[in-house]
Amino acid sequence: MNPLDHAPLFLIMALAVLAQVLFIEVGFRYGRTKHGTPIKAQMAQVRAIMGASLGLLAFMLAFTFSSAQQHFEERTRAYMMEVSAIDSAYRGADLILEEARVEAKELLLSFARLRLETTRAASQAEMQSVIEMVRESELMHDQLWAIAESSMEGSGNGQDTGIFAQAVLAMIDAHDARLQAALFNRISPVIWITLFLMSLLSMIVMGYQAGLTGTRSQLATWTLAITFSAVMTLITDLDRPNMTLFQMNQSLMSELENRMGGGTPWDSAGR
């Protein structure tokens, strides 16, 4: 797991802002030692370097944000695949042998409820509970597959019982896709380190340029630091499984669980 997964967003935001303001101050104080020296050529060079570094930092932020957004969309697609597979398996259970039908539907209902609990635990950063629930869901996959195998070997229509088996396989595929998207498709630590180093070095150059001129704006300093830090915080939240600002809507899974439990359609909306 990424160490950033356990850190509160407000703490990440505050540390990023303070670090950037601090490096601006370091650059400014060093630039003040050179203030007054007739070095117009150096001033032009520093401005050019500052513009290039801030532009490159903005590009890296855009690239990283795009990667985090893509990971979020992959998690959403995997979630939709799993809801569809569970629904198909529940409907396909009507086609298997009667003695296995009740057990299969009870397992699928328990699986849907477990998935909702897993999502709640992930949103609260209870990663140990999430891992235990993932293992439990994999055991349920094995039980469902055992039911599918026994149904295929029974006296029922092989084509009909095969529909249930295919839906169970689709559930397993969707589970693997969700696991990969949520826990393993992450922004590389190398990119994070590079991004933070680039932001701090860019702040030093900005502060140094202000020190050479002998003037600076506190409003501009804090605005720039807060702006870049806010984007980094959004990227952090998008990339980690226990999202705070961005939440994946669980209405479809809640409705499916409600329908399999015999509830009225859509009376679980908003839960």
Protein backbone atom coordinates (compact mmCIF):
# COMPACT_ATOMS: atom_id res chain seq x y z
CA MET A 1 0.00 0.00 0.00
CA ASN A 2 1.03 3.59 -0.63
CA PRO A 3 1.94 5.55 2.57
CA LEU A 4 -0.29 8.37 1.31
CA ASP A 5 -3.32 6.06 1.63
CA HIS A 6 -3.32 6.43 5.41
CA ALA A 7 -2.74 10.19 5.57
CA PRO A 8 -5.72 12.56 5.96
CA LEU A 9 -6.25 14.80 2.95
CA PHE A 10 -6.18 18.01 4.98
CA LEU A 11 -2.76 17.00 6.37
CA ILE A 12 -1.40 16.32 2.87
CA MET A 13 -2.75 19.67 1.68
CA ALA A 14 -1.32 21.57 4.67
CA LEU A 15 2.13 19.98 4.41
CA ALA A 16 2.31 20.62 0.66
CA VAL A 17 1.36 24.28 1.09
CA LEU A 18 3.82 24.87 3.94
CA ALA A 19 6.65 23.10 2.11
CA GLN A 20 6.17 25.21 -1.02
CA VAL A 21 5.91 28.49 0.93
CA LEU A 22 9.04 27.53 2.87
CA PHE A 23 11.02 26.91 -0.32
CA ILE A 24 9.78 30.19 -1.79
CA GLU A 25 11.06 31.92 1.35
CA VAL A 26 14.44 30.15 1.09
CA GLY A 27 14.80 31.25 -2.54
CA PHE A 28 13.72 34.80 -1.68
CA ARG A 29 16.23 35.19 1.12
CA TYR A 30 19.04 33.90 -1.03
CA GLY A 31 17.99 36.23 -3.83
CA ARG A 32 18.06 39.18 -1.42
CA THR A 33 21.78 38.58 -0.89
CA LYS A 34 22.26 39.26 -4.63
CA HIS A 35 19.86 42.22 -4.71
CA GLY A 36 21.35 45.43 -5.99
CA THR A 37 24.05 43.77 -8.06
CA PRO A 38 23.90 44.95 -11.72
CA ILE A 39 23.12 41.57 -13.24
CA LYS A 40 20.35 42.24 -15.79
CA ALA A 41 21.38 39.24 -17.88
CA GLN A 42 21.02 36.97 -14.87
CA MET A 43 17.57 38.43 -14.15
CA ALA A 44 16.42 37.54 -17.66
CA GLN A 45 17.87 34.06 -17.31
CA VAL A 46 16.15 33.48 -13.96
CA ARG A 47 12.80 34.63 -15.37
CA ALA A 48 13.18 32.23 -18.29
CA ILE A 49 14.09 29.34 -15.98
CA MET A 50 11.20 30.16 -13.66
CA GLY A 51 8.72 30.17 -16.54
CA ALA A 52 10.09 26.90 -17.91
CA SER A 53 10.06 25.16 -14.52
CA LEU A 54 6.52 26.28 -13.68
CA GLY A 55 5.35 25.23 -17.14
CA LEU A 56 6.97 21.81 -16.78
CA LEU A 57 5.45 21.44 -13.32
CA ALA A 58 2.00 22.26 -14.73
CA PHE A 59 2.53 19.64 -17.46
CA MET A 60 3.53 17.00 -14.89
CA LEU A 61 0.49 17.83 -12.76
CA ALA A 62 -1.78 17.49 -15.80
CA PHE A 63 -0.16 14.17 -16.76
CA THR A 64 -0.44 12.79 -13.23
CA PHE A 65 -4.03 13.98 -12.85
CA SER A 66 -4.90 12.26 -16.14
CA SER A 67 -3.37 9.00 -14.87
CA ALA A 68 -5.29 9.21 -11.59
CA GLN A 69 -8.53 9.95 -13.46
CA GLN A 70 -7.93 6.94 -15.70
CA HIS A 71 -7.43 4.71 -12.64
CA PHE A 72 -10.71 6.00 -11.19
CA GLU A 73 -12.54 5.25 -14.45
CA GLU A 74 -11.05 1.73 -14.51
CA ARG A 75 -12.38 1.12 -11.00
CA THR A 76 -15.81 2.35 -12.12
CA ARG A 77 -15.84 0.06 -15.17
CA ALA A 78 -14.79 -2.94 -13.08
CA TYR A 79 -17.56 -2.13 -10.58
CA MET A 80 -20.15 -2.04 -13.38
CA MET A 81 -18.85 -5.35 -14.73
CA GLU A 82 -19.24 -6.96 -11.31
CA VAL A 83 -22.79 -5.69 -10.77
CA SER A 84 -23.77 -7.00 -14.20
CA ALA A 85 -22.09 -10.38 -13.57
CA ILE A 86 -23.80 -10.84 -10.18
CA ASP A 87 -27.17 -9.97 -11.71
CA SER A 88 -26.58 -12.44 -14.56
CA ALA A 89 -25.54 -15.17 -12.13
CA TYR A 90 -28.64 -14.59 -9.99
CA ARG A 91 -30.89 -14.86 -13.01
CA GLY A 92 -28.94 -17.82 -14.36
CA ALA A 93 -29.39 -19.65 -11.04
CA ASP A 94 -33.06 -20.19 -12.04
CA LEU A 95 -31.80 -22.53 -14.77
CA ILE A 96 -29.74 -24.87 -12.58
CA LEU A 97 -30.94 -27.88 -10.60
CA GLU A 98 -33.50 -27.02 -7.96
CA GLU A 99 -31.52 -28.39 -5.02
CA ALA A 100 -28.61 -26.06 -5.82
CA ARG A 101 -30.71 -23.05 -6.80
CA VAL A 102 -31.52 -21.85 -3.28
CA GLU A 103 -27.91 -22.21 -2.11
CA ALA A 104 -26.59 -20.32 -5.14
CA LYS A 105 -29.04 -17.42 -4.68
CA GLU A 106 -28.25 -17.15 -0.97
CA LEU A 107 -24.54 -17.06 -1.77
CA LEU A 108 -25.04 -14.36 -4.38
CA LEU A 109 -27.09 -12.25 -1.96
CA SER A 110 -24.38 -12.63 0.70
CA PHE A 111 -21.76 -11.74 -1.90
CA ALA A 112 -23.55 -8.50 -2.85
CA ARG A 113 -23.86 -7.53 0.82
CA LEU A 114 -20.19 -8.33 1.36
CA ARG A 115 -19.25 -6.11 -1.57
CA LEU A 116 -21.17 -3.19 -0.04
CA GLU A 117 -19.43 -3.75 3.31
CA THR A 118 -16.06 -3.90 1.55
CA THR A 119 -16.72 -0.53 -0.08
CA ARG A 120 -17.72 1.02 3.25
CA ALA A 121 -14.59 -0.34 4.92
CA ALA A 122 -12.39 0.98 2.09
CA SER A 123 -13.94 4.45 2.38
CA GLN A 124 -13.00 4.45 6.08
CA ALA A 125 -9.43 3.28 5.32
CA GLU A 126 -9.95 -0.01 7.22
CA MET A 127 -7.59 -1.83 4.88
CA GLN A 128 -7.13 -4.92 7.08
CA SER A 129 -10.89 -5.46 7.04
CA VAL A 130 -10.91 -4.93 3.29
CA ILE A 131 -8.25 -7.61 2.77
CA GLU A 132 -10.21 -10.07 4.94
CA MET A 133 -13.41 -9.35 3.00
CA VAL A 134 -11.62 -9.83 -0.31
CA ARG A 135 -10.44 -13.25 0.84
CA GLU A 136 -13.96 -14.12 1.97
CA SER A 137 -15.35 -13.08 -1.43
CA GLU A 138 -12.84 -15.35 -3.15
CA LEU A 139 -14.04 -18.27 -1.01
CA MET A 140 -17.58 -17.48 -2.15
CA HIS A 141 -16.35 -17.61 -5.75
CA ASP A 142 -15.07 -21.13 -5.09
CA GLN A 143 -18.41 -22.17 -3.60
CA LEU A 144 -20.35 -20.73 -6.54
CA TRP A 145 -18.05 -22.44 -9.01
CA ALA A 146 -18.51 -25.76 -7.18
CA ILE A 147 -22.28 -25.34 -7.57
CA ALA A 148 -21.83 -24.54 -11.27
CA GLU A 149 -19.66 -27.64 -11.77
CA SER A 150 -22.11 -29.95 -10.01
CA SER A 151 -24.98 -28.50 -12.06
CA MET A 152 -23.10 -29.07 -15.31
CA GLU A 153 -22.50 -32.70 -14.32
CA GLY A 154 -26.13 -33.25 -13.36
CA SER A 155 -29.07 -34.32 -15.46
CA GLY A 156 -30.17 -30.81 -16.37
CA ASN A 157 -29.84 -29.07 -19.70
CA GLY A 158 -26.11 -28.43 -20.18
CA GLN A 159 -26.72 -25.29 -22.21
CA ASP A 160 -28.98 -23.75 -19.55
CA THR A 161 -26.68 -24.59 -16.64
CA GLY A 162 -23.76 -23.26 -18.67
CA ILE A 163 -25.30 -19.78 -18.50
CA PHE A 164 -24.87 -19.81 -14.71
CA ALA A 165 -21.29 -21.08 -15.02
CA GLN A 166 -20.41 -18.32 -17.50
CA ALA A 167 -21.88 -15.69 -15.15
CA VAL A 168 -19.79 -17.02 -12.26
CA LEU A 169 -16.68 -16.81 -14.42
CA ALA A 170 -17.64 -13.23 -15.31
CA MET A 171 -17.92 -12.47 -11.58
CA ILE A 172 -14.41 -13.82 -11.01
CA ASP A 173 -13.04 -11.79 -13.92
CA ALA A 174 -14.72 -8.62 -12.60
CA HIS A 175 -13.36 -9.29 -9.11
CA ASP A 176 -9.83 -9.56 -10.47
CA ALA A 177 -10.33 -6.37 -12.48
CA ARG A 178 -11.59 -4.46 -9.42
CA LEU A 179 -8.70 -5.74 -7.31
CA GLN A 180 -6.17 -4.73 -9.94
CA ALA A 181 -7.74 -1.31 -10.48
CA ALA A 182 -8.19 -0.48 -6.78
CA LEU A 183 -5.00 -1.82 -5.21
CA PHE A 184 -2.35 -2.23 -7.90
CA ASN A 185 -3.01 0.34 -10.66
CA ARG A 186 -1.41 3.24 -8.81
CA ILE A 187 0.75 6.21 -9.68
CA SER A 188 4.37 5.15 -9.32
CA PRO A 189 6.27 6.42 -6.25
CA VAL A 190 8.97 7.62 -8.68
CA ILE A 191 6.43 9.95 -10.31
CA TRP A 192 5.30 11.23 -6.90
CA ILE A 193 8.88 11.95 -5.81
CA THR A 194 9.66 13.66 -9.11
CA LEU A 195 6.49 15.75 -8.86
CA PHE A 196 7.23 16.96 -5.34
CA LEU A 197 10.88 17.71 -6.14
CA MET A 198 9.87 19.67 -9.24
CA SER A 199 7.34 21.70 -7.25
CA LEU A 200 9.85 22.54 -4.51
CA LEU A 201 12.62 23.46 -6.94
CA SER A 202 10.20 25.61 -8.94
CA MET A 203 9.25 27.43 -5.74
CA ILE A 204 12.91 28.10 -4.95
CA VAL A 205 13.47 29.63 -8.40
CA MET A 206 10.34 31.74 -8.00
CA GLY A 207 11.48 32.98 -4.59
CA TYR A 208 14.98 33.65 -5.90
CA GLN A 209 13.61 35.76 -8.75
CA ALA A 210 11.54 37.79 -6.25
CA GLY A 211 14.62 38.23 -4.07
CA LEU A 212 16.63 39.61 -6.97
CA THR A 213 14.01 42.28 -7.58
CA GLY A 214 13.73 43.00 -3.86
CA THR A 215 9.92 42.79 -3.83
CA ARG A 216 7.39 40.04 -3.42
CA SER A 217 3.66 39.56 -2.95
CA GLN A 218 2.46 37.45 -0.04
CA LEU A 219 -0.89 37.04 -1.80
CA ALA A 220 0.77 35.66 -4.94
CA THR A 221 3.02 33.39 -2.89
CA TRP A 222 0.20 31.76 -0.94
CA THR A 223 -2.12 31.63 -3.95
CA LEU A 224 0.44 29.74 -6.04
CA ALA A 225 1.31 27.35 -3.21
CA ILE A 226 -2.34 26.62 -2.43
CA THR A 227 -3.22 26.14 -6.10
CA PHE A 228 -0.50 23.58 -6.80
CA SER A 229 -1.11 21.84 -3.46
CA ALA A 230 -4.84 21.59 -4.13
CA VAL A 231 -4.22 19.85 -7.46
CA MET A 232 -1.78 17.44 -5.80
CA THR A 233 -4.36 16.69 -3.12
CA LEU A 234 -7.02 15.95 -5.76
CA ILE A 235 -4.62 13.59 -7.54
CA THR A 236 -3.85 11.83 -4.25
CA ASP A 237 -7.53 11.29 -3.52
CA LEU A 238 -8.35 10.08 -7.03
CA ASP A 239 -5.51 7.57 -7.02
CA ARG A 240 -6.11 5.86 -3.69
CA PRO A 241 -8.84 3.28 -2.98
CA ASN A 242 -10.14 5.04 0.16
CA MET A 243 -11.34 8.15 -1.65
CA THR A 244 -12.66 11.07 0.40
CA LEU A 245 -13.56 13.83 -2.05
CA PHE A 246 -14.53 11.45 -4.87
CA GLN A 247 -17.02 8.69 -4.10
CA MET A 248 -18.12 5.86 -6.37
CA ASN A 249 -21.91 5.67 -6.42
CA GLN A 250 -23.01 2.34 -4.91
CA SER A 251 -26.70 2.68 -5.84
CA LEU A 252 -26.60 -0.10 -8.45
CA MET A 253 -25.07 -2.63 -6.05
CA SER A 254 -27.46 -1.53 -3.28
CA GLU A 255 -30.44 -1.90 -5.61
CA LEU A 256 -29.24 -5.32 -6.77
CA GLU A 257 -28.82 -6.49 -3.16
CA ASN A 258 -32.26 -5.12 -2.32
CA ARG A 259 -33.88 -6.83 -5.32
CA MET A 260 -32.22 -10.18 -4.59
CA GLY A 261 -33.42 -9.86 -0.98
CA GLY A 262 -37.03 -9.49 -2.14
CA GLY A 263 -37.35 -5.72 -1.68
CA THR A 264 -39.31 -3.32 -3.84
CA PRO A 265 -37.26 -2.07 -6.83
CA TRP A 266 -35.37 1.13 -6.13
CA ASP A 267 -36.56 1.45 -2.53
CA SER A 268 -32.86 1.29 -1.61
CA ALA A 269 -32.01 4.39 -3.61
CA GLY A 270 -29.92 6.86 -1.64
CA ARG A 271 -28.77 4.33 0.93
